[in-house]
Amino acid sequence: MYEIDTIKLHPETFERMPELKLVRFHAPDFRRKLCAPEDITSLPKKLSYFHWDEFPLKSLPSSFGVERIVEIIMPDSGFKRFGKNLVSLRKVDLDGSSSLMELPDLSKASNLREVSISGCKSLRQVPPSAVCSQKLKYLKVSNCESLERKNFLSAPTPHNTHFSVFVQTRD
């Protein structure tokens, strides 16, 4: 059987899919690559669930409206930073995104339930808004080599009886 090692997307791949609500590019064996062009023009405005393993770009396209995004699952991405206005966000998983330098203000993401940012080696601080959601139930932070304990633990934690956290920082 013939196997494809690399799939290259055209910059306008999503332009004719305005109703698309879910994107999932999952590579369980990491042998195959999905290449997104640096000049990708847009992502669907109605997109709610965005799962893309090893997302190669440094940020989401500026034309991408993130207001409807409920889940961003992008392990091992090339992100340095990602969107603003993530008001509908419930889950963010950027594990292994070693280039990620900062998280956005998530204070308007009132339904935020899960944050997982392990292995984000360039991340220097976690904004208080990422850990202060009253609905936050799960927070995983480990192997973030640039994250200093004082920049993380200064944030107040929610008073939620179901809140579980795993934090490993450098002193």
C-alpha atoms as a PDB file:
ATOM      1  CA  MET A   1       0.000   0.000   0.000  1.00  0.00           C
ATOM      2  CA  TYR A   2       1.231   3.496  -0.885  1.00  0.00           C
ATOM      3  CA  GLU A   3       1.707   5.936   2.005  1.00  0.00           C
ATOM      4  CA  ILE A   4       1.978   9.704   1.800  1.00  0.00           C
ATOM      5  CA  ASP A   5       4.771  11.231   3.884  1.00  0.00           C
ATOM      6  CA  THR A   6       4.014  14.913   3.348  1.00  0.00           C
ATOM      7  CA  ILE A   7       0.830  16.784   2.513  1.00  0.00           C
ATOM      8  CA  LYS A   8       1.165  20.408   1.436  1.00  0.00           C
ATOM      9  CA  LEU A   9      -1.814  22.714   1.813  1.00  0.00           C
ATOM     10  CA  HIS A  10      -2.525  25.484  -0.665  1.00  0.00           C
ATOM     11  CA  PRO A  11      -2.711  28.996   0.914  1.00  0.00           C
ATOM     12  CA  GLU A  12      -6.416  29.191   0.035  1.00  0.00           C
ATOM     13  CA  THR A  13      -7.331  25.695   1.238  1.00  0.00           C
ATOM     14  CA  PHE A  14     -10.048  26.835   3.657  1.00  0.00           C
ATOM     15  CA  GLU A  15     -11.521  29.734   1.675  1.00  0.00           C
ATOM     16  CA  ARG A  16     -14.243  27.611   0.105  1.00  0.00           C
ATOM     17  CA  MET A  17     -15.250  26.054   3.411  1.00  0.00           C
ATOM     18  CA  PRO A  18     -16.939  28.942   5.261  1.00  0.00           C
ATOM     19  CA  GLU A  19     -19.213  26.628   7.276  1.00  0.00           C
ATOM     20  CA  LEU A  20     -16.411  24.388   8.543  1.00  0.00           C
ATOM     21  CA  LYS A  21     -16.571  24.099  12.342  1.00  0.00           C
ATOM     22  CA  LEU A  22     -13.920  21.468  13.053  1.00  0.00           C
ATOM     23  CA  VAL A  23     -10.348  21.106  11.822  1.00  0.00           C
ATOM     24  CA  ARG A  24      -8.361  18.123  13.041  1.00  0.00           C
ATOM     25  CA  PHE A  25      -4.972  17.176  11.699  1.00  0.00           C
ATOM     26  CA  HIS A  26      -3.705  14.485  14.009  1.00  0.00           C
ATOM     27  CA  ALA A  27      -0.458  12.611  13.461  1.00  0.00           C
ATOM     28  CA  PRO A  28      -0.299   9.792  16.001  1.00  0.00           C
ATOM     29  CA  ASP A  29       2.959   8.399  14.666  1.00  0.00           C
ATOM     30  CA  PHE A  30       4.592  11.729  13.712  1.00  0.00           C
ATOM     31  CA  ARG A  31       6.050  10.155  10.573  1.00  0.00           C
ATOM     32  CA  ARG A  32       3.803  12.120   8.261  1.00  0.00           C
ATOM     33  CA  LYS A  33       3.934  15.890   7.952  1.00  0.00           C
ATOM     34  CA  LEU A  34       1.192  18.332   7.071  1.00  0.00           C
ATOM     35  CA  CYS A  35       2.711  21.530   5.768  1.00  0.00           C
ATOM     36  CA  ALA A  36       0.824  24.791   5.996  1.00  0.00           C
ATOM     37  CA  PRO A  37       2.141  27.604   3.835  1.00  0.00           C
ATOM     38  CA  GLU A  38       3.396  30.701   5.652  1.00  0.00           C
ATOM     39  CA  ASP A  39       0.955  32.762   3.599  1.00  0.00           C
ATOM     40  CA  ILE A  40      -2.186  30.804   4.474  1.00  0.00           C
ATOM     41  CA  THR A  41      -4.877  33.360   3.755  1.00  0.00           C
ATOM     42  CA  SER A  42      -7.590  32.435   6.189  1.00  0.00           C
ATOM     43  CA  LEU A  43      -9.302  29.900   8.358  1.00  0.00           C
ATOM     44  CA  PRO A  44     -13.089  29.465   8.488  1.00  0.00           C
ATOM     45  CA  LYS A  45     -14.827  32.136  10.570  1.00  0.00           C
ATOM     46  CA  LYS A  46     -17.248  29.562  12.053  1.00  0.00           C
ATOM     47  CA  LEU A  47     -14.463  27.286  13.234  1.00  0.00           C
ATOM     48  CA  SER A  48     -15.052  26.117  16.817  1.00  0.00           C
ATOM     49  CA  TYR A  49     -12.646  23.225  17.264  1.00  0.00           C
ATOM     50  CA  PHE A  50      -9.076  23.568  16.049  1.00  0.00           C
ATOM     51  CA  HIS A  51      -6.812  20.543  16.536  1.00  0.00           C
ATOM     52  CA  TRP A  52      -3.578  20.524  14.566  1.00  0.00           C
ATOM     53  CA  ASP A  53      -0.568  18.541  15.740  1.00  0.00           C
ATOM     54  CA  GLU A  54       2.723  20.256  14.913  1.00  0.00           C
ATOM     55  CA  PHE A  55       1.068  23.397  13.536  1.00  0.00           C
ATOM     56  CA  PRO A  56       4.043  24.894  11.671  1.00  0.00           C
ATOM     57  CA  LEU A  57       3.187  28.616  11.689  1.00  0.00           C
ATOM     58  CA  LYS A  58       4.358  31.078  14.351  1.00  0.00           C
ATOM     59  CA  SER A  59       0.857  32.480  14.813  1.00  0.00           C
ATOM     60  CA  LEU A  60      -2.670  32.086  13.526  1.00  0.00           C
ATOM     61  CA  PRO A  61      -3.548  34.043  10.379  1.00  0.00           C
ATOM     62  CA  SER A  62      -4.587  37.607  11.284  1.00  0.00           C
ATOM     63  CA  SER A  63      -7.840  37.142   9.377  1.00  0.00           C
ATOM     64  CA  PHE A  64      -8.760  34.215  11.602  1.00  0.00           C
ATOM     65  CA  GLY A  65     -11.652  35.183  13.860  1.00  0.00           C
ATOM     66  CA  VAL A  66     -11.049  33.388  17.142  1.00  0.00           C
ATOM     67  CA  GLU A  67     -14.235  34.560  18.852  1.00  0.00           C
ATOM     68  CA  ARG A  68     -15.994  31.220  18.220  1.00  0.00           C
ATOM     69  CA  ILE A  69     -13.098  28.935  19.097  1.00  0.00           C
ATOM     70  CA  VAL A  70     -14.043  26.544  21.899  1.00  0.00           C
ATOM     71  CA  GLU A  71     -10.987  24.274  21.795  1.00  0.00           C
ATOM     72  CA  ILE A  72      -7.456  24.876  20.592  1.00  0.00           C
ATOM     73  CA  ILE A  73      -5.448  21.666  20.675  1.00  0.00           C
ATOM     74  CA  MET A  74      -2.098  22.232  19.036  1.00  0.00           C
ATOM     75  CA  PRO A  75       0.630  20.120  20.609  1.00  0.00           C
ATOM     76  CA  ASP A  76       4.165  20.618  19.363  1.00  0.00           C
ATOM     77  CA  SER A  77       3.166  23.712  17.389  1.00  0.00           C
ATOM     78  CA  GLY A  78       5.511  26.385  16.086  1.00  0.00           C
ATOM     79  CA  PHE A  79       3.555  29.138  17.867  1.00  0.00           C
ATOM     80  CA  LYS A  80       5.356  32.034  19.461  1.00  0.00           C
ATOM     81  CA  ARG A  81       2.068  33.625  20.500  1.00  0.00           C
ATOM     82  CA  PHE A  82      -1.554  33.121  19.642  1.00  0.00           C
ATOM     83  CA  GLY A  83      -4.778  35.067  19.235  1.00  0.00           C
ATOM     84  CA  LYS A  84      -6.755  37.525  21.251  1.00  0.00           C
ATOM     85  CA  ASN A  85     -10.507  37.697  21.846  1.00  0.00           C
ATOM     86  CA  LEU A  86     -10.690  34.045  22.818  1.00  0.00           C
ATOM     87  CA  VAL A  87     -14.022  34.645  24.529  1.00  0.00           C
ATOM     88  CA  SER A  88     -15.546  31.194  23.883  1.00  0.00           C
ATOM     89  CA  LEU A  89     -12.445  29.192  24.746  1.00  0.00           C
ATOM     90  CA  ARG A  90     -12.974  26.177  27.023  1.00  0.00           C
ATOM     91  CA  LYS A  91      -9.809  24.196  26.397  1.00  0.00           C
ATOM     92  CA  VAL A  92      -6.282  25.058  25.308  1.00  0.00           C
ATOM     93  CA  ASP A  93      -3.571  22.433  24.863  1.00  0.00           C
ATOM     94  CA  LEU A  94      -0.236  23.672  23.576  1.00  0.00           C
ATOM     95  CA  ASP A  95       1.927  20.938  25.114  1.00  0.00           C
ATOM     96  CA  GLY A  96       5.381  20.734  23.578  1.00  0.00           C
ATOM     97  CA  SER A  97       5.135  24.103  21.825  1.00  0.00           C
ATOM     98  CA  SER A  98       8.712  24.955  22.694  1.00  0.00           C
ATOM     99  CA  SER A  99       8.702  28.303  20.836  1.00  0.00           C
ATOM    100  CA  LEU A 100       5.639  29.644  22.675  1.00  0.00           C
ATOM    101  CA  MET A 101       6.711  32.828  24.450  1.00  0.00           C
ATOM    102  CA  GLU A 102       3.454  34.198  25.810  1.00  0.00           C
ATOM    103  CA  LEU A 103      -0.162  33.379  26.378  1.00  0.00           C
ATOM    104  CA  PRO A 104      -2.815  35.988  25.633  1.00  0.00           C
ATOM    105  CA  ASP A 105      -5.084  37.627  28.169  1.00  0.00           C
ATOM    106  CA  LEU A 106      -7.770  35.025  28.782  1.00  0.00           C
ATOM    107  CA  SER A 107      -9.855  37.089  31.193  1.00  0.00           C
ATOM    108  CA  LYS A 108     -12.803  37.150  28.782  1.00  0.00           C
ATOM    109  CA  ALA A 109     -12.730  33.370  28.354  1.00  0.00           C
ATOM    110  CA  SER A 110     -15.204  32.880  31.189  1.00  0.00           C
ATOM    111  CA  ASN A 111     -15.819  29.224  30.289  1.00  0.00           C
ATOM    112  CA  LEU A 112     -12.159  28.193  30.337  1.00  0.00           C
ATOM    113  CA  ARG A 113     -11.956  24.708  31.880  1.00  0.00           C
ATOM    114  CA  GLU A 114      -8.618  23.222  30.808  1.00  0.00           C
ATOM    115  CA  VAL A 115      -5.149  24.653  30.197  1.00  0.00           C
ATOM    116  CA  SER A 116      -2.223  22.407  29.337  1.00  0.00           C
ATOM    117  CA  ILE A 117       1.095  24.058  28.520  1.00  0.00           C
ATOM    118  CA  SER A 118       3.733  21.464  29.404  1.00  0.00           C
ATOM    119  CA  GLY A 119       6.995  21.546  27.514  1.00  0.00           C
ATOM    120  CA  CYS A 120       6.609  25.186  26.474  1.00  0.00           C
ATOM    121  CA  LYS A 121      10.297  25.865  27.045  1.00  0.00           C
ATOM    122  CA  SER A 122      10.263  29.529  25.965  1.00  0.00           C
ATOM    123  CA  LEU A 123       7.206  30.499  28.029  1.00  0.00           C
ATOM    124  CA  ARG A 124       8.276  33.041  30.656  1.00  0.00           C
ATOM    125  CA  GLN A 125       5.070  33.718  32.496  1.00  0.00           C
ATOM    126  CA  VAL A 126       1.475  32.625  32.693  1.00  0.00           C
ATOM    127  CA  PRO A 127      -0.950  35.541  32.842  1.00  0.00           C
ATOM    128  CA  PRO A 128      -3.238  35.468  35.889  1.00  0.00           C
ATOM    129  CA  SER A 129      -6.231  35.300  33.551  1.00  0.00           C
ATOM    130  CA  ALA A 130      -5.110  31.822  32.433  1.00  0.00           C
ATOM    131  CA  VAL A 131      -5.560  30.401  35.926  1.00  0.00           C
ATOM    132  CA  CYS A 132      -8.309  32.566  37.396  1.00  0.00           C
ATOM    133  CA  SER A 133     -11.345  31.287  35.529  1.00  0.00           C
ATOM    134  CA  GLN A 134     -13.988  30.176  38.015  1.00  0.00           C
ATOM    135  CA  LYS A 135     -14.687  27.165  35.783  1.00  0.00           C
ATOM    136  CA  LEU A 136     -11.060  26.051  35.447  1.00  0.00           C
ATOM    137  CA  LYS A 137     -10.820  22.372  36.403  1.00  0.00           C
ATOM    138  CA  TYR A 138      -7.485  21.305  34.995  1.00  0.00           C
ATOM    139  CA  LEU A 139      -4.158  23.085  34.727  1.00  0.00           C
ATOM    140  CA  LYS A 140      -0.993  21.312  33.619  1.00  0.00           C
ATOM    141  CA  VAL A 141       2.317  23.148  33.577  1.00  0.00           C
ATOM    142  CA  SER A 142       5.611  21.272  33.519  1.00  0.00           C
ATOM    143  CA  ASN A 143       8.965  21.381  31.755  1.00  0.00           C
ATOM    144  CA  CYS A 144       8.579  25.087  31.034  1.00  0.00           C
ATOM    145  CA  GLU A 145      12.250  25.878  31.484  1.00  0.00           C
ATOM    146  CA  SER A 146      11.914  29.664  31.185  1.00  0.00           C
ATOM    147  CA  LEU A 147       8.916  29.912  33.490  1.00  0.00           C
ATOM    148  CA  GLU A 148       9.907  31.223  36.877  1.00  0.00           C
ATOM    149  CA  ARG A 149       7.947  30.153  39.920  1.00  0.00           C
ATOM    150  CA  LYS A 150       7.388  33.762  40.997  1.00  0.00           C
ATOM    151  CA  ASN A 151       5.818  34.580  37.612  1.00  0.00           C
ATOM    152  CA  PHE A 152       3.391  31.720  37.957  1.00  0.00           C
ATOM    153  CA  LEU A 153       2.495  31.380  41.597  1.00  0.00           C
ATOM    154  CA  SER A 154       1.641  35.071  42.000  1.00  0.00           C
ATOM    155  CA  ALA A 155      -1.667  34.445  40.230  1.00  0.00           C
ATOM    156  CA  PRO A 156      -4.664  33.741  42.448  1.00  0.00           C
ATOM    157  CA  THR A 157      -6.196  30.311  41.938  1.00  0.00           C
ATOM    158  CA  PRO A 158      -9.931  29.737  41.643  1.00  0.00           C
ATOM    159  CA  HIS A 159     -11.964  28.517  44.583  1.00  0.00           C
ATOM    160  CA  ASN A 160     -13.172  25.393  42.869  1.00  0.00           C
ATOM    161  CA  THR A 161     -13.451  22.082  44.683  1.00  0.00           C
ATOM    162  CA  HIS A 162     -12.808  20.102  41.491  1.00  0.00           C
ATOM    163  CA  PHE A 163      -9.708  22.025  40.505  1.00  0.00           C
ATOM    164  CA  SER A 164      -6.635  19.856  39.917  1.00  0.00           C
ATOM    165  CA  VAL A 165      -3.236  21.209  39.025  1.00  0.00           C
ATOM    166  CA  PHE A 166       0.141  19.851  38.090  1.00  0.00           C
ATOM    167  CA  VAL A 167       2.857  22.479  38.172  1.00  0.00           C
ATOM    168  CA  GLN A 168       6.569  22.081  37.778  1.00  0.00           C
ATOM    169  CA  THR A 169       8.646  25.261  37.376  1.00  0.00           C
ATOM    170  CA  ARG A 170      12.194  26.282  37.962  1.00  0.00           C
ATOM    171  CA  ASP A 171      12.936  28.189  41.154  1.00  0.00           C
END
